[in-house]
PDB file of N, CA and C in Angstrom:
ATOM      1  N   UNK A   1     -21.562 -32.992  15.634  1.00  0.00           N
ATOM      2  CA  UNK A   1     -22.012 -31.861  16.457  1.00  0.00           C
ATOM      3  C   UNK A   1     -22.672 -32.533  17.661  1.00  0.00           C
ATOM      4  N   UNK A   2     -23.420 -33.458  17.604  1.00  0.00           N
ATOM      5  CA  UNK A   2     -23.963 -34.410  18.454  1.00  0.00           C
ATOM      6  C   UNK A   2     -23.160 -34.525  19.573  1.00  0.00           C
ATOM      7  N   UNK A   3     -21.812 -35.077  19.479  1.00  0.00           N
ATOM      8  CA  UNK A   3     -20.735 -35.239  20.423  1.00  0.00           C
ATOM      9  C   UNK A   3     -20.312 -34.111  21.257  1.00  0.00           C
ATOM     10  N   UNK A   4     -20.539 -32.978  20.646  1.00  0.00           N
ATOM     11  CA  UNK A   4     -20.141 -31.689  21.408  1.00  0.00           C
ATOM     12  C   UNK A   4     -21.322 -31.285  22.379  1.00  0.00           C
ATOM     13  N   UNK A   5     -22.571 -31.649  22.136  1.00  0.00           N
ATOM     14  CA  UNK A   5     -23.662 -31.312  22.769  1.00  0.00           C
ATOM     15  C   UNK A   5     -23.946 -29.769  22.880  1.00  0.00           C
ATOM     16  N   UNK A   6     -23.654 -29.316  21.712  1.00  0.00           N
ATOM     17  CA  UNK A   6     -24.031 -27.754  21.471  1.00  0.00           C
ATOM     18  C   UNK A   6     -24.634 -27.543  20.194  1.00  0.00           C
ATOM     19  N   UNK A   7     -25.489 -26.688  20.014  1.00  0.00           N
ATOM     20  CA  UNK A   7     -26.183 -26.467  18.707  1.00  0.00           C
ATOM     21  C   UNK A   7     -25.157 -25.643  17.916  1.00  0.00           C
ATOM     22  N   UNK A   8     -25.481 -25.440  16.571  1.00  0.00           N
ATOM     23  CA  UNK A   8     -24.391 -24.839  15.802  1.00  0.00           C
ATOM     24  C   UNK A   8     -24.122 -23.699  16.116  1.00  0.00           C
ATOM     25  N   UNK A   9     -24.784 -22.847  16.597  1.00  0.00           N
ATOM     26  CA  UNK A   9     -24.625 -21.385  16.886  1.00  0.00           C
ATOM     27  C   UNK A   9     -23.562 -21.270  18.065  1.00  0.00           C
ATOM     28  N   UNK A  10     -23.783 -21.907  19.046  1.00  0.00           N
ATOM     29  CA  UNK A  10     -22.870 -22.114  20.294  1.00  0.00           C
ATOM     30  C   UNK A  10     -21.394 -22.903  19.792  1.00  0.00           C
ATOM     31  N   UNK A  11     -21.384 -23.685  18.900  1.00  0.00           N
ATOM     32  CA  UNK A  11     -20.391 -24.334  18.365  1.00  0.00           C
ATOM     33  C   UNK A  11     -19.392 -23.322  17.536  1.00  0.00           C
ATOM     34  N   UNK A  12     -20.062 -22.530  16.752  1.00  0.00           N
ATOM     35  CA  UNK A  12     -19.479 -21.455  15.879  1.00  0.00           C
ATOM     36  C   UNK A  12     -18.859 -20.478  17.022  1.00  0.00           C
ATOM     37  N   UNK A  13     -19.532 -20.014  17.779  1.00  0.00           N
ATOM     38  CA  UNK A  13     -19.065 -18.944  18.822  1.00  0.00           C
ATOM     39  C   UNK A  13     -17.807 -19.396  19.543  1.00  0.00           C
ATOM     40  N   UNK A  14     -17.935 -20.638  20.137  1.00  0.00           N
ATOM     41  CA  UNK A  14     -16.677 -21.265  20.769  1.00  0.00           C
ATOM     42  C   UNK A  14     -15.587 -21.484  19.757  1.00  0.00           C
ATOM     43  N   UNK A  15     -15.808 -21.780  18.622  1.00  0.00           N
ATOM     44  CA  UNK A  15     -14.851 -21.961  17.565  1.00  0.00           C
ATOM     45  C   UNK A  15     -14.072 -20.662  17.249  1.00  0.00           C
ATOM     46  N   UNK A  16     -14.875 -19.503  16.926  1.00  0.00           N
ATOM     47  CA  UNK A  16     -14.371 -18.133  16.733  1.00  0.00           C
ATOM     48  C   UNK A  16     -13.378 -17.735  17.936  1.00  0.00           C
ATOM     49  N   UNK A  17     -13.919 -18.024  19.144  1.00  0.00           N
ATOM     50  CA  UNK A  17     -13.084 -17.576  20.414  1.00  0.00           C
ATOM     51  C   UNK A  17     -11.921 -18.388  20.350  1.00  0.00           C
ATOM     52  N   UNK A  18     -11.983 -19.622  20.185  1.00  0.00           N
ATOM     53  CA  UNK A  18     -10.588 -20.388  20.099  1.00  0.00           C
ATOM     54  C   UNK A  18      -9.557 -19.938  19.072  1.00  0.00           C
ATOM     55  N   UNK A  19     -10.109 -19.693  17.749  1.00  0.00           N
ATOM     56  CA  UNK A  19      -9.298 -19.075  16.906  1.00  0.00           C
ATOM     57  C   UNK A  19      -8.658 -17.659  17.140  1.00  0.00           C
ATOM     58  N   UNK A  20      -9.552 -17.122  17.722  1.00  0.00           N
ATOM     59  CA  UNK A  20      -9.097 -15.736  18.110  1.00  0.00           C
ATOM     60  C   UNK A  20      -8.071 -15.794  19.074  1.00  0.00           C
ATOM     61  N   UNK A  21      -8.239 -16.638  20.349  1.00  0.00           N
ATOM     62  CA  UNK A  21      -7.205 -16.676  21.403  1.00  0.00           C
ATOM     63  C   UNK A  21      -5.983 -17.459  20.840  1.00  0.00           C
ATOM     64  N   UNK A  22      -6.152 -18.396  19.975  1.00  0.00           N
ATOM     65  CA  UNK A  22      -5.121 -19.146  19.709  1.00  0.00           C
ATOM     66  C   UNK A  22      -3.866 -18.630  18.637  1.00  0.00           C
ATOM     67  N   UNK A  23      -4.844 -18.057  17.398  1.00  0.00           N
ATOM     68  CA  UNK A  23      -3.916 -17.629  16.379  1.00  0.00           C
ATOM     69  C   UNK A  23      -3.768 -16.208  16.056  1.00  0.00           C
ATOM     70  N   UNK A  24      -4.844 -15.372  16.564  1.00  0.00           N
ATOM     71  CA  UNK A  24      -5.013 -13.837  16.432  1.00  0.00           C
ATOM     72  C   UNK A  24      -5.062 -13.419  15.119  1.00  0.00           C
ATOM     73  N   UNK A  25      -5.664 -14.210  14.278  1.00  0.00           N
ATOM     74  CA  UNK A  25      -5.987 -13.876  12.788  1.00  0.00           C
ATOM     75  C   UNK A  25      -7.482 -14.148  12.419  1.00  0.00           C
ATOM     76  N   UNK A  26      -8.283 -13.999  13.331  1.00  0.00           N
ATOM     77  CA  UNK A  26      -9.673 -14.295  13.110  1.00  0.00           C
ATOM     78  C   UNK A  26     -10.255 -13.306  12.104  1.00  0.00           C
ATOM     79  N   UNK A  27      -9.682 -11.894  12.066  1.00  0.00           N
ATOM     80  CA  UNK A  27     -10.347 -10.956  11.217  1.00  0.00           C
ATOM     81  C   UNK A  27      -9.998 -11.302   9.757  1.00  0.00           C
ATOM     82  N   UNK A  28      -9.231 -12.281   9.291  1.00  0.00           N
ATOM     83  CA  UNK A  28      -8.990 -12.763   8.005  1.00  0.00           C
ATOM     84  C   UNK A  28     -10.115 -13.627   7.724  1.00  0.00           C
ATOM     85  N   UNK A  29     -10.670 -14.496   8.708  1.00  0.00           N
ATOM     86  CA  UNK A  29     -11.909 -15.374   8.429  1.00  0.00           C
ATOM     87  C   UNK A  29     -13.071 -14.675   8.171  1.00  0.00           C
ATOM     88  N   UNK A  30     -13.308 -13.461   8.775  1.00  0.00           N
ATOM     89  CA  UNK A  30     -14.470 -12.657   8.554  1.00  0.00           C
ATOM     90  C   UNK A  30     -14.482 -11.882   7.112  1.00  0.00           C
ATOM     91  N   UNK A  31     -15.202 -12.545   6.322  1.00  0.00           N
ATOM     92  CA  UNK A  31     -14.969 -12.067   4.818  1.00  0.00           C
ATOM     93  C   UNK A  31     -15.512 -10.533   4.762  1.00  0.00           C
ATOM     94  N   UNK A  32     -16.501 -10.184   5.452  1.00  0.00           N
ATOM     95  CA  UNK A  32     -16.900  -8.603   5.433  1.00  0.00           C
ATOM     96  C   UNK A  32     -15.698  -7.648   5.802  1.00  0.00           C
ATOM     97  N   UNK A  33     -14.938  -8.211   6.883  1.00  0.00           N
ATOM     98  CA  UNK A  33     -13.832  -7.213   7.106  1.00  0.00           C
ATOM     99  C   UNK A  33     -12.778  -7.126   6.047  1.00  0.00           C
ATOM    100  N   UNK A  34     -12.414  -8.319   5.472  1.00  0.00           N
ATOM    101  CA  UNK A  34     -11.565  -8.339   4.545  1.00  0.00           C
ATOM    102  C   UNK A  34     -11.907  -7.830   3.304  1.00  0.00           C
ATOM    103  N   UNK A  35     -13.224  -7.724   2.733  1.00  0.00           N
ATOM    104  CA  UNK A  35     -13.833  -6.896   1.905  1.00  0.00           C
ATOM    105  C   UNK A  35     -13.371  -5.388   1.868  1.00  0.00           C
ATOM    106  N   UNK A  36     -13.838  -4.889   3.221  1.00  0.00           N
ATOM    107  CA  UNK A  36     -13.514  -3.530   3.493  1.00  0.00           C
ATOM    108  C   UNK A  36     -12.174  -3.003   3.532  1.00  0.00           C
ATOM    109  N   UNK A  37     -11.248  -3.893   3.909  1.00  0.00           N
ATOM    110  CA  UNK A  37      -9.850  -3.530   3.940  1.00  0.00           C
ATOM    111  C   UNK A  37      -9.280  -3.456   2.491  1.00  0.00           C
ATOM    112  N   UNK A  38      -9.924  -4.488   1.635  1.00  0.00           N
ATOM    113  CA  UNK A  38      -9.284  -4.706   0.324  1.00  0.00           C
ATOM    114  C   UNK A  38      -9.746  -3.339  -0.313  1.00  0.00           C
ATOM    115  N   UNK A  39     -11.142  -2.953  -0.166  1.00  0.00           N
ATOM    116  CA  UNK A  39     -11.828  -1.729  -0.856  1.00  0.00           C
ATOM    117  C   UNK A  39     -10.906  -0.682  -0.430  1.00  0.00           C
ATOM    118  N   UNK A  40     -10.614  -0.400   0.796  1.00  0.00           N
ATOM    119  CA  UNK A  40      -9.829   0.654   1.176  1.00  0.00           C
ATOM    120  C   UNK A  40      -8.409   0.923   0.421  1.00  0.00           C
ATOM    121  N   UNK A  41      -7.736  -0.367   0.475  1.00  0.00           N
ATOM    122  CA  UNK A  41      -6.321  -0.512  -0.293  1.00  0.00           C
ATOM    123  C   UNK A  41      -6.562  -0.121  -1.636  1.00  0.00           C
ATOM    124  N   UNK A  42      -7.647  -0.626  -2.345  1.00  0.00           N
ATOM    125  CA  UNK A  42      -7.921  -0.056  -3.814  1.00  0.00           C
ATOM    126  C   UNK A  42      -8.195   1.281  -3.934  1.00  0.00           C
ATOM    127  N   UNK A  43      -8.867   1.694  -3.035  1.00  0.00           N
ATOM    128  CA  UNK A  43      -9.220   3.359  -2.946  1.00  0.00           C
ATOM    129  C   UNK A  43      -8.008   3.997  -2.935  1.00  0.00           C
ATOM    130  N   UNK A  44      -7.134   3.674  -1.847  1.00  0.00           N
ATOM    131  CA  UNK A  44      -5.912   4.519  -1.754  1.00  0.00           C
ATOM    132  C   UNK A  44      -4.915   4.143  -2.871  1.00  0.00           C
ATOM    133  N   UNK A  45      -4.968   3.120  -3.279  1.00  0.00           N
ATOM    134  CA  UNK A  45      -3.960   2.797  -4.511  1.00  0.00           C
ATOM    135  C   UNK A  45      -4.478   3.759  -5.768  1.00  0.00           C
ATOM    136  N   UNK A  46      -6.000   3.812  -6.106  1.00  0.00           N
ATOM    137  CA  UNK A  46      -6.559   4.506  -7.001  1.00  0.00           C
ATOM    138  C   UNK A  46      -6.079   6.029  -6.930  1.00  0.00           C
ATOM    139  N   UNK A  47      -6.253   6.712  -5.673  1.00  0.00           N
ATOM    140  CA  UNK A  47      -6.053   7.857  -5.412  1.00  0.00           C
ATOM    141  C   UNK A  47      -4.535   8.177  -5.775  1.00  0.00           C
ATOM    142  N   UNK A  48      -3.744   7.326  -5.150  1.00  0.00           N
ATOM    143  CA  UNK A  48      -2.133   7.567  -5.479  1.00  0.00           C
ATOM    144  C   UNK A  48      -1.881   7.703  -6.919  1.00  0.00           C
ATOM    145  N   UNK A  49      -2.509   6.614  -7.729  1.00  0.00           N
ATOM    146  CA  UNK A  49      -2.178   6.588  -9.271  1.00  0.00           C
ATOM    147  C   UNK A  49      -2.854   7.730  -9.917  1.00  0.00           C
ATOM    148  N   UNK A  50      -3.833   8.289  -9.422  1.00  0.00           N
ATOM    149  CA  UNK A  50      -4.451   9.286 -10.118  1.00  0.00           C
ATOM    150  C   UNK A  50      -3.513  10.634 -10.064  1.00  0.00           C
ATOM    151  N   UNK A  51      -3.172  10.710  -8.671  1.00  0.00           N
ATOM    152  CA  UNK A  51      -2.314  11.739  -8.519  1.00  0.00           C
ATOM    153  C   UNK A  51      -1.090  11.761  -9.185  1.00  0.00           C
ATOM    154  N   UNK A  52      -0.408  10.624  -9.418  1.00  0.00           N
ATOM    155  CA  UNK A  52       0.880  10.387 -10.221  1.00  0.00           C
ATOM    156  C   UNK A  52       0.571  10.777 -11.467  1.00  0.00           C
ATOM    157  N   UNK A  53      -0.379  10.240 -11.999  1.00  0.00           N
ATOM    158  CA  UNK A  53      -0.631  10.484 -13.403  1.00  0.00           C
ATOM    159  C   UNK A  53      -0.888  12.132 -13.631  1.00  0.00           C
ATOM    160  N   UNK A  54      -1.659  12.694 -12.744  1.00  0.00           N
ATOM    161  CA  UNK A  54      -1.900  14.240 -12.766  1.00  0.00           C
ATOM    162  C   UNK A  54      -0.531  14.873 -12.837  1.00  0.00           C
ATOM    163  N   UNK A  55       0.163  14.471 -11.935  1.00  0.00           N
ATOM    164  CA  UNK A  55       1.577  15.154 -11.741  1.00  0.00           C
ATOM    165  C   UNK A  55       2.541  15.072 -13.036  1.00  0.00           C
ATOM    166  N   UNK A  56       2.491  13.989 -13.611  1.00  0.00           N
ATOM    167  CA  UNK A  56       3.218  13.663 -14.771  1.00  0.00           C
ATOM    168  C   UNK A  56       2.459  14.615 -16.011  1.00  0.00           C
ATOM    169  N   UNK A  57       1.310  14.672 -16.226  1.00  0.00           N
ATOM    170  CA  UNK A  57       0.557  15.360 -17.167  1.00  0.00           C
ATOM    171  C   UNK A  57       0.907  16.837 -16.844  1.00  0.00           C
ATOM    172  N   UNK A  58       1.001  17.545 -15.707  1.00  0.00           N
ATOM    173  CA  UNK A  58       1.272  18.614 -15.486  1.00  0.00           C
ATOM    174  C   UNK A  58       3.043  19.182 -15.775  1.00  0.00           C
ATOM    175  N   UNK A  59       3.653  18.185 -15.420  1.00  0.00           N
ATOM    176  CA  UNK A  59       5.074  18.314 -15.855  1.00  0.00           C
ATOM    177  C   UNK A  59       5.249  18.227 -17.398  1.00  0.00           C
ATOM    178  N   UNK A  60       4.532  17.421 -18.100  1.00  0.00           N
ATOM    179  CA  UNK A  60       4.575  17.445 -19.416  1.00  0.00           C
ATOM    180  C   UNK A  60       4.083  18.684 -20.175  1.00  0.00           C
ATOM    181  N   UNK A  61       2.917  19.387 -19.643  1.00  0.00           N
ATOM    182  CA  UNK A  61       2.282  20.533 -19.974  1.00  0.00           C
ATOM    183  C   UNK A  61       3.506  21.646 -19.688  1.00  0.00           C
ATOM    184  N   UNK A  62       4.067  21.839 -18.666  1.00  0.00           N
ATOM    185  CA  UNK A  62       4.987  22.668 -18.262  1.00  0.00           C
ATOM    186  C   UNK A  62       6.245  22.827 -19.427  1.00  0.00           C
ATOM    187  N   UNK A  63       6.663  21.452 -19.549  1.00  0.00           N
ATOM    188  CA  UNK A  63       7.767  21.250 -20.508  1.00  0.00           C
ATOM    189  C   UNK A  63       7.269  21.853 -21.974  1.00  0.00           C
ATOM    190  N   UNK A  64       5.818  21.330 -22.365  1.00  0.00           N
ATOM    191  CA  UNK A  64       5.667  21.837 -23.704  1.00  0.00           C
ATOM    192  C   UNK A  64       5.462  23.463 -23.672  1.00  0.00           C
ATOM    193  N   UNK A  65       4.997  24.103 -22.594  1.00  0.00           N
ATOM    194  CA  UNK A  65       4.779  25.513 -22.484  1.00  0.00           C
ATOM    195  C   UNK A  65       6.154  26.036 -22.795  1.00  0.00           C
ATOM    196  N   UNK A  66       7.215  25.508 -21.973  1.00  0.00           N
ATOM    197  CA  UNK A  66       8.616  26.104 -22.238  1.00  0.00           C
ATOM    198  C   UNK A  66       8.983  26.152 -23.617  1.00  0.00           C
ATOM    199  N   UNK A  67       8.680  24.916 -24.298  1.00  0.00           N
ATOM    200  CA  UNK A  67       9.169  24.747 -25.802  1.00  0.00           C
ATOM    201  C   UNK A  67       8.148  25.563 -26.596  1.00  0.00           C
ATOM    202  N   UNK A  68       7.009  25.313 -26.732  1.00  0.00           N
ATOM    203  CA  UNK A  68       6.061  25.961 -27.570  1.00  0.00           C
ATOM    204  C   UNK A  68       5.094  27.108 -26.945  1.00  0.00           C
ATOM    205  N   UNK A  69       5.514  27.567 -25.840  1.00  0.00           N
ATOM    206  CA  UNK A  69       4.639  28.455 -25.058  1.00  0.00           C
ATOM    207  C   UNK A  69       4.657  29.901 -25.772  1.00  0.00           C
ATOM    208  N   UNK A  70       3.924  30.758 -25.310  1.00  0.00           N
ATOM    209  CA  UNK A  70       3.755  32.134 -25.912  1.00  0.00           C
ATOM    210  C   UNK A  70       4.973  32.995 -25.620  1.00  0.00           C
ATOM    211  N   UNK A  71       5.831  32.584 -24.712  1.00  0.00           N
ATOM    212  CA  UNK A  71       6.891  33.278 -24.368  1.00  0.00           C
ATOM    213  C   UNK A  71       8.042  33.103 -25.452  1.00  0.00           C
ATOM    214  N   UNK A  72       8.015  32.001 -26.192  1.00  0.00           N
ATOM    215  CA  UNK A  72       8.967  31.713 -27.050  1.00  0.00           C
ATOM    216  C   UNK A  72       8.834  32.585 -28.277  1.00  0.00           C
ATOM    217  N   UNK A  73      10.029  33.340 -28.560  1.00  0.00           N
ATOM    218  CA  UNK A  73       9.936  34.238 -29.807  1.00  0.00           C
ATOM    219  C   UNK A  73       9.770  33.335 -30.994  1.00  0.00           C
ATOM    220  N   UNK A  74       9.983  32.038 -31.132  1.00  0.00           N
ATOM    221  CA  UNK A  74       9.809  31.373 -32.411  1.00  0.00           C
ATOM    222  C   UNK A  74       8.430  30.794 -32.525  1.00  0.00           C
ATOM    223  N   UNK A  75       7.635  31.156 -31.548  1.00  0.00           N
ATOM    224  CA  UNK A  75       6.000  30.687 -31.564  1.00  0.00           C
ATOM    225  C   UNK A  75       5.480  31.473 -32.554  1.00  0.00           C
ATOM    226  N   UNK A  76       4.626  30.546 -33.305  1.00  0.00           N
ATOM    227  CA  UNK A  76       3.856  31.303 -34.415  1.00  0.00           C
ATOM    228  C   UNK A  76       2.130  30.536 -34.013  1.00  0.00           C
ATOM    229  N   UNK A  77       1.333  31.429 -33.981  1.00  0.00           N
ATOM    230  CA  UNK A  77      -0.049  31.158 -33.665  1.00  0.00           C
ATOM    231  C   UNK A  77      -0.837  30.796 -35.008  1.00  0.00           C
ATOM    232  N   UNK A  78      -0.052  30.885 -35.994  1.00  0.00           N
ATOM    233  CA  UNK A  78      -0.752  30.951 -37.452  1.00  0.00           C
ATOM    234  C   UNK A  78      -1.714  29.561 -37.465  1.00  0.00           C
ATOM    235  N   UNK A  79      -0.953  28.390 -36.791  1.00  0.00           N
ATOM    236  CA  UNK A  79      -1.652  27.315 -36.962  1.00  0.00           C
ATOM    237  C   UNK A  79      -2.785  27.065 -35.979  1.00  0.00           C
ATOM    238  N   UNK A  80      -3.193  28.130 -35.278  1.00  0.00           N
ATOM    239  CA  UNK A  80      -4.160  28.117 -34.290  1.00  0.00           C
ATOM    240  C   UNK A  80      -5.461  28.763 -34.989  1.00  0.00           C
ATOM    241  N   UNK A  81      -5.119  29.448 -36.265  1.00  0.00           N
ATOM    242  CA  UNK A  81      -6.365  30.052 -36.879  1.00  0.00           C
ATOM    243  C   UNK A  81      -7.025  28.999 -37.791  1.00  0.00           C
ATOM    244  N   UNK A  82      -8.427  29.242 -37.703  1.00  0.00           N
ATOM    245  CA  UNK A  82      -9.247  28.124 -38.385  1.00  0.00           C
ATOM    246  C   UNK A  82      -9.317  28.846 -39.839  1.00  0.00           C
ATOM    247  N   UNK A  83      -9.303  27.979 -40.883  1.00  0.00           N
ATOM    248  CA  UNK A  83      -9.396  28.375 -42.181  1.00  0.00           C
ATOM    249  C   UNK A  83     -10.526  29.311 -42.674  1.00  0.00           C
ATOM    250  N   UNK A  84     -11.572  29.111 -42.152  1.00  0.00           N
ATOM    251  CA  UNK A  84     -12.671  30.070 -42.334  1.00  0.00           C
ATOM    252  C   UNK A  84     -12.482  31.676 -41.881  1.00  0.00           C
ATOM    253  N   UNK A  85     -11.621  31.595 -40.732  1.00  0.00           N
ATOM    254  CA  UNK A  85     -11.375  33.025 -40.356  1.00  0.00           C
ATOM    255  C   UNK A  85     -10.539  33.839 -41.371  1.00  0.00           C
ATOM    256  N   UNK A  86      -9.630  33.211 -42.162  1.00  0.00           N
ATOM    257  CA  UNK A  86      -8.845  33.998 -43.047  1.00  0.00           C
ATOM    258  C   UNK A  86      -9.347  34.331 -44.268  1.00  0.00           C
ATOM    259  N   UNK A  87     -10.617  34.101 -44.704  1.00  0.00           N
ATOM    260  CA  UNK A  87     -11.235  34.250 -45.844  1.00  0.00           C
ATOM    261  C   UNK A  87     -11.914  35.769 -45.777  1.00  0.00           C
TER     262      UNK A  87
END
């Protein structure tokens, strides 16, 4: 750094400008930005997976309702009665 004749802060600023002008990928070097981007990706992925899971559960419930539902003439609610209620 003595050969450059700049203190560390000026050197770092110049280095960031050089990387930004030369390679256009400075945002990757800023860990704070990368953490926020990764956090947003995880958040959106989680939201998508929860919606997908809930959709599958609703489809399963609708299927079960068609088979075991109250509209089914073969449906018996006897198994829903508790043993103490029949006494």
